[in-house]
């Protein structure tokens, strides 16, 4: 019987404000994302939220609304994503 090992992988994406919500939705649908951090172009953290198994639909709606509001106010931002990779 093999033991399952989990490793964390971090990725960073640069997006414009108008594409921010779309990209976050894509990442959430992938399913292996554990944490999302959104920073402005100066590196200041604007939003930092964990995604745990089972967090879907109505539970994530307030976070997406906040991201939509941020997207309307900023030009460019960075999304840092922490993924869980099972080996």
N, C-alpha and C. Protein backbone atom coordinates (compact mmCIF):
# COMPACT_ATOMS: atom_id res chain seq x y z
N UNK A 1 0.84 -1.18 0.00
CA UNK A 1 0.00 0.00 0.00
C UNK A 1 0.89 1.25 0.00
N UNK A 2 0.65 2.15 -0.94
CA UNK A 2 1.45 3.36 -1.05
C UNK A 2 0.88 4.46 -0.16
N UNK A 3 1.78 5.23 0.41
CA UNK A 3 1.36 6.40 1.17
C UNK A 3 1.22 7.57 0.21
N UNK A 4 0.21 8.35 0.40
CA UNK A 4 -0.01 9.53 -0.44
C UNK A 4 0.67 10.73 0.22
N UNK A 5 1.54 11.38 -0.53
CA UNK A 5 2.24 12.55 -0.01
C UNK A 5 1.68 13.81 -0.66
N UNK A 6 1.57 14.85 0.12
CA UNK A 6 1.06 16.12 -0.39
C UNK A 6 2.19 17.14 -0.40
N UNK A 7 2.32 17.83 -1.52
CA UNK A 7 3.29 18.91 -1.61
C UNK A 7 2.56 20.17 -2.02
N UNK A 8 3.11 21.29 -1.63
CA UNK A 8 2.50 22.58 -1.98
C UNK A 8 3.26 23.21 -3.12
N UNK A 9 2.52 23.73 -4.07
CA UNK A 9 3.09 24.42 -5.22
C UNK A 9 2.50 25.81 -5.24
N UNK A 10 3.35 26.82 -5.46
CA UNK A 10 2.85 28.19 -5.54
C UNK A 10 3.06 28.73 -6.95
N UNK A 11 2.01 29.32 -7.49
CA UNK A 11 2.06 29.94 -8.81
C UNK A 11 1.64 31.39 -8.69
N UNK A 12 2.13 32.21 -9.61
CA UNK A 12 1.77 33.62 -9.62
C UNK A 12 1.31 34.00 -11.01
N UNK A 13 0.22 34.78 -11.07
CA UNK A 13 -0.33 35.25 -12.33
C UNK A 13 -0.48 36.76 -12.26
N UNK A 14 -0.18 37.45 -13.35
CA UNK A 14 -0.41 38.90 -13.47
C UNK A 14 -1.67 39.07 -14.32
N UNK A 15 -2.60 39.84 -13.82
CA UNK A 15 -3.84 40.08 -14.55
C UNK A 15 -4.24 41.55 -14.41
N UNK A 16 -5.08 41.99 -15.33
CA UNK A 16 -5.65 43.33 -15.21
C UNK A 16 -6.93 43.21 -14.37
N UNK A 17 -7.36 44.33 -13.85
CA UNK A 17 -8.56 44.34 -13.00
C UNK A 17 -9.77 43.74 -13.68
N UNK A 18 -9.92 43.99 -14.98
CA UNK A 18 -11.10 43.49 -15.70
C UNK A 18 -11.09 41.97 -15.85
N UNK A 19 -9.92 41.33 -15.77
CA UNK A 19 -9.83 39.87 -15.90
C UNK A 19 -9.67 39.16 -14.56
N UNK A 20 -9.62 39.92 -13.47
CA UNK A 20 -9.36 39.35 -12.15
C UNK A 20 -10.42 38.34 -11.73
N UNK A 21 -11.67 38.71 -11.78
CA UNK A 21 -12.74 37.83 -11.33
C UNK A 21 -12.81 36.57 -12.19
N UNK A 22 -12.63 36.73 -13.48
CA UNK A 22 -12.64 35.58 -14.39
C UNK A 22 -11.55 34.59 -14.03
N UNK A 23 -10.34 35.08 -13.77
CA UNK A 23 -9.21 34.21 -13.43
C UNK A 23 -9.43 33.51 -12.10
N UNK A 24 -9.93 34.22 -11.11
CA UNK A 24 -10.19 33.62 -9.80
C UNK A 24 -11.24 32.52 -9.93
N UNK A 25 -12.29 32.76 -10.71
CA UNK A 25 -13.31 31.73 -10.94
C UNK A 25 -12.71 30.49 -11.59
N UNK A 26 -11.83 30.67 -12.57
CA UNK A 26 -11.15 29.54 -13.22
C UNK A 26 -10.34 28.74 -12.21
N UNK A 27 -9.62 29.44 -11.36
CA UNK A 27 -8.78 28.76 -10.36
C UNK A 27 -9.62 27.97 -9.36
N UNK A 28 -10.73 28.53 -8.93
CA UNK A 28 -11.60 27.84 -7.98
C UNK A 28 -12.17 26.56 -8.60
N UNK A 29 -12.54 26.62 -9.86
CA UNK A 29 -13.12 25.46 -10.54
C UNK A 29 -12.11 24.33 -10.74
N UNK A 30 -10.81 24.65 -10.75
CA UNK A 30 -9.79 23.62 -10.91
C UNK A 30 -9.79 22.63 -9.76
N UNK A 31 -10.14 23.08 -8.58
CA UNK A 31 -10.32 22.17 -7.46
C UNK A 31 -9.11 21.88 -6.59
N UNK A 32 -7.89 22.03 -7.08
CA UNK A 32 -6.73 21.71 -6.25
C UNK A 32 -6.08 22.95 -5.64
N UNK A 33 -6.77 24.08 -5.73
CA UNK A 33 -6.26 25.34 -5.16
C UNK A 33 -6.64 25.39 -3.69
N UNK A 34 -5.66 25.68 -2.83
CA UNK A 34 -5.89 25.73 -1.39
C UNK A 34 -5.93 27.15 -0.84
N UNK A 35 -5.25 28.09 -1.51
CA UNK A 35 -5.20 29.46 -0.99
C UNK A 35 -4.99 30.41 -2.16
N UNK A 36 -5.68 31.55 -2.13
CA UNK A 36 -5.55 32.57 -3.15
C UNK A 36 -5.23 33.89 -2.47
N UNK A 37 -4.19 34.58 -2.97
CA UNK A 37 -3.81 35.88 -2.45
C UNK A 37 -3.77 36.86 -3.62
N UNK A 38 -4.41 38.00 -3.46
CA UNK A 38 -4.42 39.02 -4.51
C UNK A 38 -3.68 40.24 -3.97
N UNK A 39 -2.67 40.67 -4.76
CA UNK A 39 -1.84 41.81 -4.36
C UNK A 39 -1.92 42.89 -5.43
N UNK A 40 -1.79 44.15 -5.01
CA UNK A 40 -1.75 45.23 -5.99
C UNK A 40 -0.37 45.29 -6.63
N UNK A 41 -0.18 46.21 -7.56
CA UNK A 41 1.09 46.25 -8.30
C UNK A 41 2.29 46.61 -7.42
N UNK A 42 2.05 47.13 -6.22
CA UNK A 42 3.12 47.45 -5.27
C UNK A 42 3.41 46.31 -4.31
N UNK A 43 2.67 45.20 -4.44
CA UNK A 43 2.89 44.04 -3.57
C UNK A 43 2.06 44.03 -2.30
N UNK A 44 1.19 45.02 -2.12
CA UNK A 44 0.33 45.07 -0.93
C UNK A 44 -0.80 44.05 -1.07
N UNK A 45 -1.02 43.25 -0.04
CA UNK A 45 -2.07 42.23 -0.08
C UNK A 45 -3.43 42.90 0.04
N UNK A 46 -4.28 42.65 -0.95
CA UNK A 46 -5.64 43.18 -0.95
C UNK A 46 -6.64 42.16 -0.41
N UNK A 47 -6.49 40.91 -0.82
CA UNK A 47 -7.38 39.83 -0.39
C UNK A 47 -6.55 38.57 -0.23
N UNK A 48 -6.81 37.83 0.83
CA UNK A 48 -6.12 36.58 1.09
C UNK A 48 -7.16 35.62 1.66
N UNK A 49 -7.49 34.56 0.90
CA UNK A 49 -8.51 33.65 1.42
C UNK A 49 -8.16 32.20 1.11
N UNK A 50 -8.44 31.32 2.07
CA UNK A 50 -8.20 29.90 1.87
C UNK A 50 -9.39 29.26 1.16
N UNK A 51 -9.12 28.23 0.40
CA UNK A 51 -10.18 27.42 -0.21
C UNK A 51 -10.01 26.01 0.31
N UNK A 52 -10.97 25.55 1.07
CA UNK A 52 -10.89 24.20 1.60
C UNK A 52 -11.87 23.32 0.85
N UNK A 53 -11.70 22.02 0.96
CA UNK A 53 -12.63 21.11 0.30
C UNK A 53 -14.05 21.39 0.77
N UNK A 54 -14.96 21.47 -0.14
CA UNK A 54 -16.34 21.70 0.20
C UNK A 54 -16.77 23.15 0.18
N UNK A 55 -15.83 24.08 0.01
CA UNK A 55 -16.19 25.49 -0.06
C UNK A 55 -16.58 25.80 -1.50
N UNK A 56 -17.86 25.87 -1.73
CA UNK A 56 -18.36 26.14 -3.09
C UNK A 56 -19.64 26.96 -3.00
N UNK A 57 -20.10 27.40 -4.15
CA UNK A 57 -21.40 28.05 -4.24
C UNK A 57 -21.57 29.24 -3.34
N UNK A 58 -22.60 29.21 -2.53
CA UNK A 58 -22.98 30.35 -1.69
C UNK A 58 -21.90 30.70 -0.68
N UNK A 59 -21.11 29.74 -0.24
CA UNK A 59 -20.08 30.01 0.76
C UNK A 59 -18.98 30.91 0.21
N UNK A 60 -18.73 30.85 -1.09
CA UNK A 60 -17.66 31.65 -1.69
C UNK A 60 -18.19 32.95 -2.29
N UNK A 61 -19.49 33.10 -2.38
CA UNK A 61 -20.12 34.27 -3.00
C UNK A 61 -19.66 35.61 -2.40
N UNK A 62 -19.58 35.77 -1.08
CA UNK A 62 -19.12 37.06 -0.53
C UNK A 62 -17.68 37.39 -0.93
N UNK A 63 -16.84 36.39 -1.01
CA UNK A 63 -15.45 36.60 -1.43
C UNK A 63 -15.41 37.07 -2.88
N UNK A 64 -16.19 36.43 -3.74
CA UNK A 64 -16.23 36.81 -5.15
C UNK A 64 -16.78 38.22 -5.33
N UNK A 65 -17.74 38.60 -4.51
CA UNK A 65 -18.28 39.97 -4.57
C UNK A 65 -17.20 40.99 -4.21
N UNK A 66 -16.41 40.67 -3.19
CA UNK A 66 -15.32 41.57 -2.79
C UNK A 66 -14.27 41.66 -3.89
N UNK A 67 -13.96 40.54 -4.52
CA UNK A 67 -12.99 40.54 -5.62
C UNK A 67 -13.51 41.37 -6.78
N UNK A 68 -14.79 41.28 -7.07
CA UNK A 68 -15.38 42.10 -8.13
C UNK A 68 -15.25 43.58 -7.84
N UNK A 69 -15.44 43.96 -6.60
CA UNK A 69 -15.30 45.37 -6.21
C UNK A 69 -13.86 45.84 -6.34
N UNK A 70 -12.92 44.99 -5.94
CA UNK A 70 -11.50 45.32 -6.07
C UNK A 70 -11.13 45.46 -7.53
N UNK A 71 -11.63 44.55 -8.36
CA UNK A 71 -11.31 44.57 -9.79
C UNK A 71 -11.71 45.88 -10.44
N UNK A 72 -12.80 46.48 -9.97
CA UNK A 72 -13.26 47.74 -10.54
C UNK A 72 -12.34 48.91 -10.17
N UNK A 73 -11.56 48.74 -9.12
CA UNK A 73 -10.73 49.84 -8.62
C UNK A 73 -9.26 49.78 -9.02
N UNK A 74 -8.77 48.62 -9.44
CA UNK A 74 -7.34 48.50 -9.72
C UNK A 74 -7.07 48.26 -11.19
N UNK A 75 -5.88 48.62 -11.61
CA UNK A 75 -5.49 48.43 -13.00
C UNK A 75 -4.86 47.07 -13.23
N UNK A 76 -3.82 46.78 -12.46
CA UNK A 76 -3.10 45.52 -12.61
C UNK A 76 -2.84 44.94 -11.24
N UNK A 77 -2.87 43.61 -11.15
CA UNK A 77 -2.61 42.98 -9.87
C UNK A 77 -1.95 41.62 -10.09
N UNK A 78 -1.54 41.02 -8.99
CA UNK A 78 -0.90 39.72 -9.01
C UNK A 78 -1.75 38.75 -8.19
N UNK A 79 -1.98 37.57 -8.73
CA UNK A 79 -2.68 36.52 -8.00
C UNK A 79 -1.66 35.45 -7.66
N UNK A 80 -1.51 35.15 -6.38
CA UNK A 80 -0.64 34.05 -5.95
C UNK A 80 -1.55 32.90 -5.53
N UNK A 81 -1.25 31.73 -6.04
CA UNK A 81 -2.10 30.56 -5.80
C UNK A 81 -1.26 29.47 -5.16
N UNK A 82 -1.77 28.93 -4.07
CA UNK A 82 -1.13 27.79 -3.43
C UNK A 82 -1.94 26.55 -3.78
N UNK A 83 -1.30 25.60 -4.42
CA UNK A 83 -1.96 24.37 -4.83
C UNK A 83 -1.44 23.20 -4.01
N UNK A 84 -2.27 22.19 -3.92
CA UNK A 84 -1.86 20.97 -3.26
C UNK A 84 -1.66 19.92 -4.34
N UNK A 85 -0.49 19.36 -4.38
CA UNK A 85 -0.17 18.34 -5.37
C UNK A 85 -0.01 17.02 -4.66
N UNK A 86 -0.80 16.04 -5.01
CA UNK A 86 -0.70 14.72 -4.37
C UNK A 86 0.20 13.83 -5.21
N UNK A 87 1.18 13.26 -4.54
CA UNK A 87 2.13 12.40 -5.24
C UNK A 87 2.02 10.98 -4.75
